[in-house]
Amino acid sequence: MTKITAEELMVAASALQKIGEVQITAKTAYRIARNTIKIERELKILDKVRNALIKKYGTQGDNGDYRIDQTIEKVNADGNIIMEPGPIDSDGKIVLHPVHIFNPALINFTKEWEEVCTQDIELDISILKIDDLVDADNHVNIAPSLLKGIHFMLEE
């Protein structure tokens, strides 16, 4: 079993998708595909948790989707939107605009989501050797940034 964080899992999924486009042996491609399936299974769980948090802290739009706005309109104790003077319009009147503040729900969402992303996940994955990733000419044609994304499934 290999332990990685949820955040590393998300990076790995992206890296594996790009690595899947590189010419490698069928045996290695199969092992990578199996690892990808296991990672995608975990990502579906993470996505459900993320969506539940968005529903918990967000508001439902007209189309039924939930979202968390970065700012919200500031209201007074009576629930009325606080307005502030803005520019003068073409008639010489001051235009009033609602006062916006940072959305505290976004802070709460971010805090909970970061707790999820730093959580360790145990995966039963195939460990690959760098030699497994060589092409027919004995070159590794995979960018170092992609190898970094799957570091937990590599050994020298």
C-alpha atoms as a PDB file:
ATOM      1  CA  MET A   1       0.000   0.000   0.000  1.00  0.00           C
ATOM      2  CA  THR A   2       1.193   3.467  -0.849  1.00  0.00           C
ATOM      3  CA  LYS A   3       0.229   6.521   1.186  1.00  0.00           C
ATOM      4  CA  ILE A   4      -0.340   9.834  -0.569  1.00  0.00           C
ATOM      5  CA  THR A   5      -2.391  12.926   0.132  1.00  0.00           C
ATOM      6  CA  ALA A   6      -5.563  13.755  -1.734  1.00  0.00           C
ATOM      7  CA  GLU A   7      -3.774  16.750  -3.202  1.00  0.00           C
ATOM      8  CA  GLU A   8      -0.993  14.521  -4.591  1.00  0.00           C
ATOM      9  CA  LEU A   9      -3.693  12.251  -5.984  1.00  0.00           C
ATOM     10  CA  MET A  10      -5.172  15.103  -8.025  1.00  0.00           C
ATOM     11  CA  VAL A  11      -1.743  16.023  -9.410  1.00  0.00           C
ATOM     12  CA  ALA A  12      -1.031  12.372 -10.234  1.00  0.00           C
ATOM     13  CA  ALA A  13      -4.266  11.998 -12.200  1.00  0.00           C
ATOM     14  CA  SER A  14      -3.291  14.872 -14.459  1.00  0.00           C
ATOM     15  CA  ALA A  15       0.256  13.549 -14.883  1.00  0.00           C
ATOM     16  CA  LEU A  16      -0.955  10.025 -15.674  1.00  0.00           C
ATOM     17  CA  GLN A  17      -3.288  11.336 -18.342  1.00  0.00           C
ATOM     18  CA  LYS A  18      -0.347  13.004 -20.119  1.00  0.00           C
ATOM     19  CA  ILE A  19       1.963  10.021 -19.576  1.00  0.00           C
ATOM     20  CA  GLY A  20      -0.690   7.831 -21.190  1.00  0.00           C
ATOM     21  CA  GLU A  21       0.011   9.629 -24.472  1.00  0.00           C
ATOM     22  CA  VAL A  22       3.710   8.634 -24.465  1.00  0.00           C
ATOM     23  CA  GLN A  23       4.910   5.537 -26.336  1.00  0.00           C
ATOM     24  CA  ILE A  24       5.773   2.893 -23.721  1.00  0.00           C
ATOM     25  CA  THR A  25       5.587  -0.879 -23.608  1.00  0.00           C
ATOM     26  CA  ALA A  26       2.194  -2.568 -23.429  1.00  0.00           C
ATOM     27  CA  LYS A  27       3.091  -4.069 -20.041  1.00  0.00           C
ATOM     28  CA  THR A  28       3.856  -0.637 -18.563  1.00  0.00           C
ATOM     29  CA  ALA A  29       0.821   0.928 -20.213  1.00  0.00           C
ATOM     30  CA  TYR A  30      -1.354  -1.739 -18.598  1.00  0.00           C
ATOM     31  CA  ARG A  31       0.136  -1.108 -15.140  1.00  0.00           C
ATOM     32  CA  ILE A  32      -0.320   2.647 -15.565  1.00  0.00           C
ATOM     33  CA  ALA A  33      -3.919   2.119 -16.702  1.00  0.00           C
ATOM     34  CA  ARG A  34      -4.652   0.035 -13.581  1.00  0.00           C
ATOM     35  CA  ASN A  35      -3.119   2.720 -11.366  1.00  0.00           C
ATOM     36  CA  THR A  36      -5.140   5.371 -13.185  1.00  0.00           C
ATOM     37  CA  ILE A  37      -8.381   3.475 -12.565  1.00  0.00           C
ATOM     38  CA  LYS A  38      -7.624   3.246  -8.838  1.00  0.00           C
ATOM     39  CA  ILE A  39      -6.759   6.941  -8.673  1.00  0.00           C
ATOM     40  CA  GLU A  40      -9.883   7.947 -10.612  1.00  0.00           C
ATOM     41  CA  ARG A  41     -12.008   5.913  -8.174  1.00  0.00           C
ATOM     42  CA  GLU A  42     -10.595   7.957  -5.276  1.00  0.00           C
ATOM     43  CA  LEU A  43     -11.033  11.194  -7.221  1.00  0.00           C
ATOM     44  CA  LYS A  44     -14.748  10.456  -7.651  1.00  0.00           C
ATOM     45  CA  ILE A  45     -15.048  10.195  -3.869  1.00  0.00           C
ATOM     46  CA  LEU A  46     -13.147  13.455  -3.432  1.00  0.00           C
ATOM     47  CA  ASP A  47     -15.399  15.121  -5.999  1.00  0.00           C
ATOM     48  CA  LYS A  48     -18.505  14.017  -4.080  1.00  0.00           C
ATOM     49  CA  VAL A  49     -17.045  15.454  -0.858  1.00  0.00           C
ATOM     50  CA  ARG A  50     -16.151  18.717  -2.617  1.00  0.00           C
ATOM     51  CA  ASN A  51     -19.639  19.013  -4.096  1.00  0.00           C
ATOM     52  CA  ALA A  52     -21.192  18.358  -0.677  1.00  0.00           C
ATOM     53  CA  LEU A  53     -19.064  21.156   0.787  1.00  0.00           C
ATOM     54  CA  ILE A  54     -20.089  23.514  -2.008  1.00  0.00           C
ATOM     55  CA  LYS A  55     -23.720  22.666  -1.309  1.00  0.00           C
ATOM     56  CA  LYS A  56     -23.140  23.175   2.440  1.00  0.00           C
ATOM     57  CA  TYR A  57     -21.471  26.591   2.107  1.00  0.00           C
ATOM     58  CA  GLY A  58     -22.805  27.821  -1.220  1.00  0.00           C
ATOM     59  CA  THR A  59     -26.038  29.200  -2.532  1.00  0.00           C
ATOM     60  CA  GLN A  60     -28.200  27.704  -5.223  1.00  0.00           C
ATOM     61  CA  GLY A  61     -28.419  29.670  -8.456  1.00  0.00           C
ATOM     62  CA  ASP A  62     -31.396  29.995 -10.774  1.00  0.00           C
ATOM     63  CA  ASN A  63     -30.150  27.033 -12.825  1.00  0.00           C
ATOM     64  CA  GLY A  64     -30.041  24.783  -9.725  1.00  0.00           C
ATOM     65  CA  ASP A  65     -26.247  24.689  -9.445  1.00  0.00           C
ATOM     66  CA  TYR A  66     -24.545  25.575  -6.175  1.00  0.00           C
ATOM     67  CA  ARG A  67     -21.711  28.076  -6.000  1.00  0.00           C
ATOM     68  CA  ILE A  68     -19.727  29.998  -3.439  1.00  0.00           C
ATOM     69  CA  ASP A  69     -19.224  33.628  -4.349  1.00  0.00           C
ATOM     70  CA  GLN A  70     -15.959  35.264  -3.385  1.00  0.00           C
ATOM     71  CA  THR A  71     -17.770  38.373  -2.126  1.00  0.00           C
ATOM     72  CA  ILE A  72     -21.278  39.001  -0.841  1.00  0.00           C
ATOM     73  CA  GLU A  73     -23.370  42.088  -0.295  1.00  0.00           C
ATOM     74  CA  LYS A  74     -23.058  43.510   3.210  1.00  0.00           C
ATOM     75  CA  VAL A  75     -26.348  43.754   5.101  1.00  0.00           C
ATOM     76  CA  ASN A  76     -27.335  45.594   8.263  1.00  0.00           C
ATOM     77  CA  ALA A  77     -29.070  44.109  11.329  1.00  0.00           C
ATOM     78  CA  ASP A  78     -32.447  44.448   9.590  1.00  0.00           C
ATOM     79  CA  GLY A  79     -31.254  42.437   6.604  1.00  0.00           C
ATOM     80  CA  ASN A  80     -31.121  45.434   4.260  1.00  0.00           C
ATOM     81  CA  ILE A  81     -28.238  45.773   1.831  1.00  0.00           C
ATOM     82  CA  ILE A  82     -25.828  48.529   2.826  1.00  0.00           C
ATOM     83  CA  MET A  83     -25.285  50.962  -0.022  1.00  0.00           C
ATOM     84  CA  GLU A  84     -22.419  53.371  -0.659  1.00  0.00           C
ATOM     85  CA  PRO A  85     -22.184  56.342  -2.982  1.00  0.00           C
ATOM     86  CA  GLY A  86     -20.533  55.771  -6.317  1.00  0.00           C
ATOM     87  CA  PRO A  87     -19.919  57.962  -9.337  1.00  0.00           C
ATOM     88  CA  ILE A  88     -22.243  60.681 -10.563  1.00  0.00           C
ATOM     89  CA  ASP A  89     -24.384  59.670 -13.512  1.00  0.00           C
ATOM     90  CA  SER A  90     -25.142  61.751 -16.624  1.00  0.00           C
ATOM     91  CA  ASP A  91     -28.108  63.424 -14.842  1.00  0.00           C
ATOM     92  CA  GLY A  92     -25.852  64.661 -12.031  1.00  0.00           C
ATOM     93  CA  LYS A  93     -27.195  62.143  -9.501  1.00  0.00           C
ATOM     94  CA  ILE A  94     -25.008  60.020  -7.243  1.00  0.00           C
ATOM     95  CA  VAL A  95     -25.273  56.339  -8.111  1.00  0.00           C
ATOM     96  CA  LEU A  96     -25.510  54.013  -5.117  1.00  0.00           C
ATOM     97  CA  HIS A  97     -23.759  50.638  -5.123  1.00  0.00           C
ATOM     98  CA  PRO A  98     -24.024  47.769  -2.648  1.00  0.00           C
ATOM     99  CA  VAL A  99     -21.078  47.322  -0.282  1.00  0.00           C
ATOM    100  CA  HIS A 100     -19.352  43.982  -0.883  1.00  0.00           C
ATOM    101  CA  ILE A 101     -17.411  42.010   1.702  1.00  0.00           C
ATOM    102  CA  PHE A 102     -15.379  38.805   1.522  1.00  0.00           C
ATOM    103  CA  ASN A 103     -17.687  35.814   1.827  1.00  0.00           C
ATOM    104  CA  PRO A 104     -17.103  34.044   5.185  1.00  0.00           C
ATOM    105  CA  ALA A 105     -18.642  30.876   3.710  1.00  0.00           C
ATOM    106  CA  LEU A 106     -15.730  30.723   1.270  1.00  0.00           C
ATOM    107  CA  ILE A 107     -13.275  30.812   4.166  1.00  0.00           C
ATOM    108  CA  ASN A 108     -15.121  27.939   5.876  1.00  0.00           C
ATOM    109  CA  PHE A 109     -15.303  25.948   2.634  1.00  0.00           C
ATOM    110  CA  THR A 110     -11.586  26.462   1.982  1.00  0.00           C
ATOM    111  CA  LYS A 111     -10.657  25.396   5.508  1.00  0.00           C
ATOM    112  CA  GLU A 112     -12.644  22.156   5.287  1.00  0.00           C
ATOM    113  CA  TRP A 113     -11.486  21.391   1.736  1.00  0.00           C
ATOM    114  CA  GLU A 114      -7.835  21.881   2.729  1.00  0.00           C
ATOM    115  CA  GLU A 115      -8.365  19.387   5.571  1.00  0.00           C
ATOM    116  CA  VAL A 116      -9.626  16.875   3.017  1.00  0.00           C
ATOM    117  CA  CYS A 117      -6.756  17.552   0.600  1.00  0.00           C
ATOM    118  CA  THR A 118      -4.062  17.000   3.216  1.00  0.00           C
ATOM    119  CA  GLN A 119      -5.567  13.726   4.374  1.00  0.00           C
ATOM    120  CA  ASP A 120      -3.554  10.574   3.672  1.00  0.00           C
ATOM    121  CA  ILE A 121      -5.040   8.028   1.295  1.00  0.00           C
ATOM    122  CA  GLU A 122      -3.758   4.456   1.022  1.00  0.00           C
ATOM    123  CA  LEU A 123      -3.686   3.012  -2.471  1.00  0.00           C
ATOM    124  CA  ASP A 124      -2.722  -0.437  -3.658  1.00  0.00           C
ATOM    125  CA  ILE A 125      -0.857   0.572  -6.801  1.00  0.00           C
ATOM    126  CA  SER A 126       1.806  -0.919  -9.034  1.00  0.00           C
ATOM    127  CA  ILE A 127       5.255   0.531  -8.468  1.00  0.00           C
ATOM    128  CA  LEU A 128       7.096   1.412 -11.668  1.00  0.00           C
ATOM    129  CA  LYS A 129      10.788   1.677 -12.377  1.00  0.00           C
ATOM    130  CA  ILE A 130      12.207   4.469 -14.482  1.00  0.00           C
ATOM    131  CA  ASP A 131      13.374   1.765 -16.898  1.00  0.00           C
ATOM    132  CA  ASP A 132       9.702   0.829 -17.413  1.00  0.00           C
ATOM    133  CA  LEU A 133       9.104   4.261 -18.943  1.00  0.00           C
ATOM    134  CA  VAL A 134      11.653   4.086 -21.750  1.00  0.00           C
ATOM    135  CA  ASP A 135      10.651   4.073 -25.394  1.00  0.00           C
ATOM    136  CA  ALA A 136      11.976   1.808 -28.168  1.00  0.00           C
ATOM    137  CA  ASP A 137      15.132   3.964 -28.409  1.00  0.00           C
ATOM    138  CA  ASN A 138      15.801   3.581 -24.676  1.00  0.00           C
ATOM    139  CA  HIS A 139      14.866   7.208 -23.900  1.00  0.00           C
ATOM    140  CA  VAL A 140      12.508   8.493 -21.234  1.00  0.00           C
ATOM    141  CA  ASN A 141      10.325  10.968 -23.121  1.00  0.00           C
ATOM    142  CA  ILE A 142       8.417  12.129 -20.077  1.00  0.00           C
ATOM    143  CA  ALA A 143       8.866  15.614 -18.685  1.00  0.00           C
ATOM    144  CA  PRO A 144      10.390  15.818 -15.196  1.00  0.00           C
ATOM    145  CA  SER A 145       7.288  17.658 -13.965  1.00  0.00           C
ATOM    146  CA  LEU A 146       5.154  14.654 -14.913  1.00  0.00           C
ATOM    147  CA  LEU A 147       7.531  12.255 -13.196  1.00  0.00           C
ATOM    148  CA  LYS A 148       7.289  14.445 -10.101  1.00  0.00           C
ATOM    149  CA  GLY A 149       3.508  14.077 -10.270  1.00  0.00           C
ATOM    150  CA  ILE A 150       3.782  10.292  -9.978  1.00  0.00           C
ATOM    151  CA  HIS A 151       6.825  10.146  -7.669  1.00  0.00           C
ATOM    152  CA  PHE A 152       4.996   7.884  -5.218  1.00  0.00           C
ATOM    153  CA  MET A 153       4.702   5.120  -7.795  1.00  0.00           C
ATOM    154  CA  LEU A 154       8.318   5.264  -8.990  1.00  0.00           C
ATOM    155  CA  GLU A 155      11.439   3.568  -7.751  1.00  0.00           C
ATOM    156  CA  GLU A 156      14.899   3.647  -9.263  1.00  0.00           C
END
